[in-house]
Protein backbone atom coordinates (compact mmCIF):
# COMPACT_ATOMS: atom_id res chain seq x y z
CA MET A 1 81.75 105.17 117.60
CA ILE A 2 83.04 101.74 118.60
CA PRO A 3 86.38 100.51 117.15
CA SER A 4 84.82 97.64 115.14
CA VAL A 5 82.72 100.12 113.23
CA VAL A 6 85.78 102.25 112.51
CA ILE A 7 87.67 99.20 111.22
CA ALA A 8 84.71 98.12 109.12
CA ILE A 9 84.55 101.48 107.44
CA VAL A 10 88.29 101.42 106.78
CA LEU A 11 87.97 97.96 105.27
CA ALA A 12 85.07 99.04 103.10
CA ILE A 13 87.13 101.89 101.69
CA THR A 14 90.23 99.87 101.16
CA LEU A 15 88.37 96.96 99.46
CA ALA A 16 87.23 99.42 96.74
CA PHE A 17 90.85 99.46 95.49
CA PRO A 18 92.71 96.60 93.86
CA SER A 19 95.71 96.62 96.23
CA PRO A 20 97.92 94.07 94.38
CA ALA A 21 98.10 96.41 91.38
CA TRP A 22 99.40 99.39 93.37
CA THR A 23 102.91 100.32 92.33
CA SER A 24 102.87 103.92 93.56
CA ALA A 25 100.91 105.73 96.17
CA THR A 26 97.21 106.11 95.41
CA LYS A 27 95.60 109.29 96.68
CA LEU A 28 92.63 109.00 99.09
CA LEU A 29 90.71 112.02 100.39
CA LEU A 30 88.58 111.48 103.47
CA ALA A 31 86.39 114.10 105.02
CA THR A 32 85.29 114.35 108.65
CA ASP A 33 83.20 116.85 110.53
CA ASP A 34 84.73 119.73 112.41
CA THR A 35 83.42 118.81 115.85
CA PRO A 36 85.39 116.99 118.55
CA GLY A 37 84.74 113.34 119.24
CA ASN A 38 87.23 112.44 121.98
CA PRO A 39 89.11 110.13 122.05
CA TRP A 40 88.42 109.13 118.41
CA ILE A 41 88.97 112.61 116.88
CA ILE A 42 90.44 115.08 119.32
CA GLY A 43 89.61 118.76 119.18
CA GLY A 44 87.41 120.69 116.84
CA GLY A 45 87.85 123.17 114.01
CA SER A 46 89.30 122.84 110.55
CA GLN A 47 92.68 121.25 111.46
CA LEU A 48 93.66 117.93 112.95
CA SER A 49 96.21 118.08 115.73
CA PRO A 50 99.55 116.79 114.45
CA GLN A 51 100.56 115.56 117.93
CA LEU A 52 97.29 114.18 119.27
CA PRO A 53 94.79 113.75 116.43
CA GLY A 54 92.83 110.95 118.04
CA ILE A 55 92.59 107.16 117.83
CA GLU A 56 90.52 107.07 114.61
CA ILE A 57 92.92 109.39 112.78
CA GLU A 58 95.89 107.34 113.84
CA LEU A 59 94.20 104.15 112.60
CA TYR A 60 93.61 105.69 109.18
CA ARG A 61 97.18 106.86 109.01
CA LEU A 62 98.45 103.38 109.84
CA MET A 63 96.15 101.85 107.20
CA ALA A 64 97.35 104.34 104.61
CA ALA A 65 101.01 103.64 105.33
CA ARG A 66 100.49 99.83 105.16
CA LEU A 67 98.55 100.11 101.88
CA ASN A 68 100.85 102.69 100.28
CA LEU A 69 98.05 105.30 100.13
CA GLN A 70 98.66 108.99 100.06
CA LEU A 71 96.08 110.02 102.60
CA GLU A 72 94.60 113.46 102.96
CA MET A 73 91.98 114.22 105.60
CA VAL A 74 89.89 117.40 105.77
CA ARG A 75 87.67 118.68 108.56
CA ILE A 76 84.55 120.51 107.32
CA PRO A 77 80.96 120.82 108.52
CA TRP A 78 79.01 117.52 108.34
CA LYS A 79 76.55 118.59 105.64
CA ARG A 80 79.53 119.62 103.48
CA CYS A 81 81.14 116.21 104.07
CA LEU A 82 78.02 114.54 102.71
CA SER A 83 78.00 116.91 99.75
CA GLU A 84 81.69 116.36 98.91
CA VAL A 85 81.20 112.62 98.73
CA LYS A 86 77.98 112.95 96.74
CA GLN A 87 79.71 115.24 94.24
CA GLY A 88 82.78 112.92 94.00
CA ARG A 89 85.19 115.48 95.53
CA ALA A 90 85.93 113.25 98.49
CA ASP A 91 86.50 109.48 98.50
CA GLY A 92 84.85 108.85 101.86
CA ILE A 93 83.53 110.36 105.08
CA PHE A 94 83.96 109.33 108.70
CA PRO A 95 82.56 108.61 111.18
CA ALA A 96 79.37 107.74 109.36
CA SER A 97 76.77 105.57 111.07
CA PHE A 98 74.50 103.51 108.87
CA LYS A 99 71.39 105.19 107.52
CA PRO A 100 69.58 103.67 104.53
CA GLU A 101 69.49 107.04 102.71
CA ARG A 102 73.30 107.13 102.84
CA LEU A 103 73.58 104.10 100.59
CA SER A 104 73.21 106.56 97.68
CA LEU A 105 76.50 108.15 98.82
CA GLY A 106 78.71 105.09 99.37
CA VAL A 107 79.02 101.63 100.73
CA TYR A 108 78.74 99.94 104.13
CA PRO A 109 79.65 96.36 105.07
CA MET A 110 76.59 94.41 104.00
CA ARG A 111 75.50 90.77 104.16
CA ASN A 112 72.46 89.45 102.29
CA GLY A 113 71.28 92.93 101.58
CA LYS A 114 71.43 94.07 105.22
CA LEU A 115 74.02 95.86 107.32
CA ASP A 116 76.50 93.30 108.68
CA PRO A 117 76.56 93.89 112.46
CA SER A 118 79.71 91.77 112.82
CA LYS A 119 81.65 94.43 110.98
């Protein structure tokens, strides 16, 4: 996954919340698959490495700190990630490339009804 796509997904998630109204930390649960994706998500399994989690994880943590979000990330099999979002038990999944059938699960950066490639 390229960095601009990661940033676009983070922006899409954060735009769903009215940030000026935040007075205390808002909880955000993100799910990711349990396979490695170096250097974006380092290592596999159900736990993120506290010391070297990967670039994407560090970006989400920085975003959460700046936006006063209480961020929780879970690593589970990909099909379960999709199910957790569909059932409303997770707020978002990453990394998630665009597929039209995934529009029923969440949002992507769009422009004039099409995926915005600049994001």
